[in-house]
Amino acid sequence: RPPDSLRPRWEGHEGAARFYGELLGAFPDIHFDLTDIVVGPQGVCEEARVTGTHERDWLDHPATGERLTWNVVIFFPWDPEQRLFRGEKVYTDLRLRP
């Protein structure tokens, strides 16, 4: 796993919109199958199996045209004082060719 300084990071609503816009553009037929979800006082954690066809460049990886399947875990940490989610952290086992 690369160190935090080398992992992509998006900040705020604009960053989230950019991340998901780029993801949906790269995998226009993307589909998430929720496999597990945990809801608790610290937030929400969900696990899903994802499929999609890699039709556009994404995260500096050229489009392959291949149908890919990967797993994703997303944490939504809860801020009890603000009564809002503080964002999300996405972890995936997707391996794209360099």
C-alpha atoms as a PDB file:
ATOM      1  CA  ARG A   1       0.000   0.000   0.000  1.00  0.00           C
ATOM      2  CA  PRO A   2       1.434   3.399  -0.911  1.00  0.00           C
ATOM      3  CA  PRO A   3       2.029   5.941   1.854  1.00  0.00           C
ATOM      4  CA  ASP A   4      -0.689   8.539   2.457  1.00  0.00           C
ATOM      5  CA  SER A   5       1.365  11.163   0.633  1.00  0.00           C
ATOM      6  CA  LEU A   6       1.145   9.128  -2.597  1.00  0.00           C
ATOM      7  CA  ARG A   7      -2.536   8.226  -2.432  1.00  0.00           C
ATOM      8  CA  PRO A   8      -5.047  10.412  -4.291  1.00  0.00           C
ATOM      9  CA  ARG A   9      -7.096  12.725  -2.101  1.00  0.00           C
ATOM     10  CA  TRP A  10     -10.159  14.866  -2.826  1.00  0.00           C
ATOM     11  CA  GLU A  11     -11.398  17.515  -0.405  1.00  0.00           C
ATOM     12  CA  GLY A  12     -14.864  18.939   0.259  1.00  0.00           C
ATOM     13  CA  HIS A  13     -18.055  18.732  -1.764  1.00  0.00           C
ATOM     14  CA  GLU A  14     -16.258  19.856  -4.912  1.00  0.00           C
ATOM     15  CA  GLY A  15     -13.654  17.123  -4.493  1.00  0.00           C
ATOM     16  CA  ALA A  16     -16.313  14.465  -3.939  1.00  0.00           C
ATOM     17  CA  ALA A  17     -18.213  15.644  -7.022  1.00  0.00           C
ATOM     18  CA  ARG A  18     -15.000  15.529  -9.067  1.00  0.00           C
ATOM     19  CA  PHE A  19     -14.078  12.039  -7.788  1.00  0.00           C
ATOM     20  CA  TYR A  20     -17.491  10.536  -8.515  1.00  0.00           C
ATOM     21  CA  GLY A  21     -17.807  12.378 -11.833  1.00  0.00           C
ATOM     22  CA  GLU A  22     -14.466  10.950 -12.973  1.00  0.00           C
ATOM     23  CA  LEU A  23     -15.323   7.466 -11.657  1.00  0.00           C
ATOM     24  CA  LEU A  24     -18.724   7.395 -13.386  1.00  0.00           C
ATOM     25  CA  GLY A  25     -17.178   8.751 -16.584  1.00  0.00           C
ATOM     26  CA  ALA A  26     -14.479   6.074 -16.598  1.00  0.00           C
ATOM     27  CA  PHE A  27     -16.918   3.259 -15.754  1.00  0.00           C
ATOM     28  CA  PRO A  28     -20.278   4.396 -17.232  1.00  0.00           C
ATOM     29  CA  ASP A  29     -21.921   1.009 -16.564  1.00  0.00           C
ATOM     30  CA  ILE A  30     -20.619   0.786 -12.982  1.00  0.00           C
ATOM     31  CA  HIS A  31     -22.656  -1.326 -10.579  1.00  0.00           C
ATOM     32  CA  PHE A  32     -22.301  -1.705  -6.804  1.00  0.00           C
ATOM     33  CA  ASP A  33     -23.560  -4.821  -4.998  1.00  0.00           C
ATOM     34  CA  LEU A  34     -23.650  -4.062  -1.278  1.00  0.00           C
ATOM     35  CA  THR A  35     -22.274  -7.083   0.598  1.00  0.00           C
ATOM     36  CA  ASP A  36     -22.120  -5.710   4.147  1.00  0.00           C
ATOM     37  CA  ILE A  37     -22.965  -2.583   6.092  1.00  0.00           C
ATOM     38  CA  VAL A  38     -22.365  -1.579   9.705  1.00  0.00           C
ATOM     39  CA  VAL A  39     -24.033   1.447  11.279  1.00  0.00           C
ATOM     40  CA  GLY A  40     -22.864   2.658  14.670  1.00  0.00           C
ATOM     41  CA  PRO A  41     -22.227   5.778  16.737  1.00  0.00           C
ATOM     42  CA  GLN A  42     -18.856   6.348  15.040  1.00  0.00           C
ATOM     43  CA  GLY A  43     -20.364   6.271  11.541  1.00  0.00           C
ATOM     44  CA  VAL A  44     -21.159   3.880   8.733  1.00  0.00           C
ATOM     45  CA  CYS A  45     -18.975   1.287   7.039  1.00  0.00           C
ATOM     46  CA  GLU A  46     -20.078  -0.467   3.883  1.00  0.00           C
ATOM     47  CA  GLU A  47     -18.506  -3.148   1.736  1.00  0.00           C
ATOM     48  CA  ALA A  48     -19.464  -3.725  -1.888  1.00  0.00           C
ATOM     49  CA  ARG A  49     -18.487  -5.716  -4.954  1.00  0.00           C
ATOM     50  CA  VAL A  50     -18.127  -3.387  -7.937  1.00  0.00           C
ATOM     51  CA  THR A  51     -18.248  -4.148 -11.655  1.00  0.00           C
ATOM     52  CA  GLY A  52     -17.767  -1.830 -14.594  1.00  0.00           C
ATOM     53  CA  THR A  53     -16.199  -1.419 -18.020  1.00  0.00           C
ATOM     54  CA  HIS A  54     -13.075   0.782 -18.000  1.00  0.00           C
ATOM     55  CA  GLU A  55     -14.009   3.054 -20.929  1.00  0.00           C
ATOM     56  CA  ARG A  56     -12.100   6.264 -20.069  1.00  0.00           C
ATOM     57  CA  ASP A  57      -8.803   7.153 -18.437  1.00  0.00           C
ATOM     58  CA  TRP A  58      -9.015   7.226 -14.644  1.00  0.00           C
ATOM     59  CA  LEU A  59      -6.424   8.121 -11.997  1.00  0.00           C
ATOM     60  CA  ASP A  60      -3.731   8.404 -14.666  1.00  0.00           C
ATOM     61  CA  HIS A  61      -4.519   4.910 -15.971  1.00  0.00           C
ATOM     62  CA  PRO A  62      -5.474   4.662 -19.654  1.00  0.00           C
ATOM     63  CA  ALA A  63      -8.808   3.083 -20.495  1.00  0.00           C
ATOM     64  CA  THR A  64      -8.569  -0.644 -21.226  1.00  0.00           C
ATOM     65  CA  GLY A  65     -12.084  -1.396 -22.466  1.00  0.00           C
ATOM     66  CA  GLU A  66     -12.064  -4.360 -20.063  1.00  0.00           C
ATOM     67  CA  ARG A  67     -14.906  -5.305 -17.747  1.00  0.00           C
ATOM     68  CA  LEU A  68     -13.438  -5.236 -14.243  1.00  0.00           C
ATOM     69  CA  THR A  69     -14.623  -6.533 -10.879  1.00  0.00           C
ATOM     70  CA  TRP A  70     -13.251  -5.315  -7.561  1.00  0.00           C
ATOM     71  CA  ASN A  71     -14.100  -4.862  -3.886  1.00  0.00           C
ATOM     72  CA  VAL A  72     -14.516  -1.578  -2.077  1.00  0.00           C
ATOM     73  CA  VAL A  73     -14.889  -0.590   1.578  1.00  0.00           C
ATOM     74  CA  ILE A  74     -16.153   2.906   2.352  1.00  0.00           C
ATOM     75  CA  PHE A  75     -16.094   4.517   5.798  1.00  0.00           C
ATOM     76  CA  PHE A  76     -18.371   7.460   6.566  1.00  0.00           C
ATOM     77  CA  PRO A  77     -17.088   8.821   9.918  1.00  0.00           C
ATOM     78  CA  TRP A  78     -19.736  10.601  12.002  1.00  0.00           C
ATOM     79  CA  ASP A  79     -19.136  13.916  13.774  1.00  0.00           C
ATOM     80  CA  PRO A  80     -21.526  13.872  16.772  1.00  0.00           C
ATOM     81  CA  GLU A  81     -21.018  17.564  17.561  1.00  0.00           C
ATOM     82  CA  GLN A  82     -21.798  18.732  14.029  1.00  0.00           C
ATOM     83  CA  ARG A  83     -24.320  15.903  13.529  1.00  0.00           C
ATOM     84  CA  LEU A  84     -22.873  15.365  10.048  1.00  0.00           C
ATOM     85  CA  PHE A  85     -20.664  12.886   8.285  1.00  0.00           C
ATOM     86  CA  ARG A  86     -17.076  14.183   8.106  1.00  0.00           C
ATOM     87  CA  GLY A  87     -16.588  12.776   4.627  1.00  0.00           C
ATOM     88  CA  GLU A  88     -15.675   9.347   3.416  1.00  0.00           C
ATOM     89  CA  LYS A  89     -12.635   7.130   3.077  1.00  0.00           C
ATOM     90  CA  VAL A  90     -12.566   4.666   0.198  1.00  0.00           C
ATOM     91  CA  TYR A  91     -10.378   1.554   0.197  1.00  0.00           C
ATOM     92  CA  THR A  92     -10.268  -0.753  -2.813  1.00  0.00           C
ATOM     93  CA  ASP A  93      -8.414  -3.756  -4.141  1.00  0.00           C
ATOM     94  CA  LEU A  94      -8.720  -2.546  -7.754  1.00  0.00           C
ATOM     95  CA  ARG A  95      -5.415  -2.970  -9.578  1.00  0.00           C
ATOM     96  CA  LEU A  96      -5.097  -1.113 -12.862  1.00  0.00           C
ATOM     97  CA  ARG A  97      -2.185  -1.705 -15.175  1.00  0.00           C
ATOM     98  CA  PRO A  98       0.513   0.998 -15.107  1.00  0.00           C
END
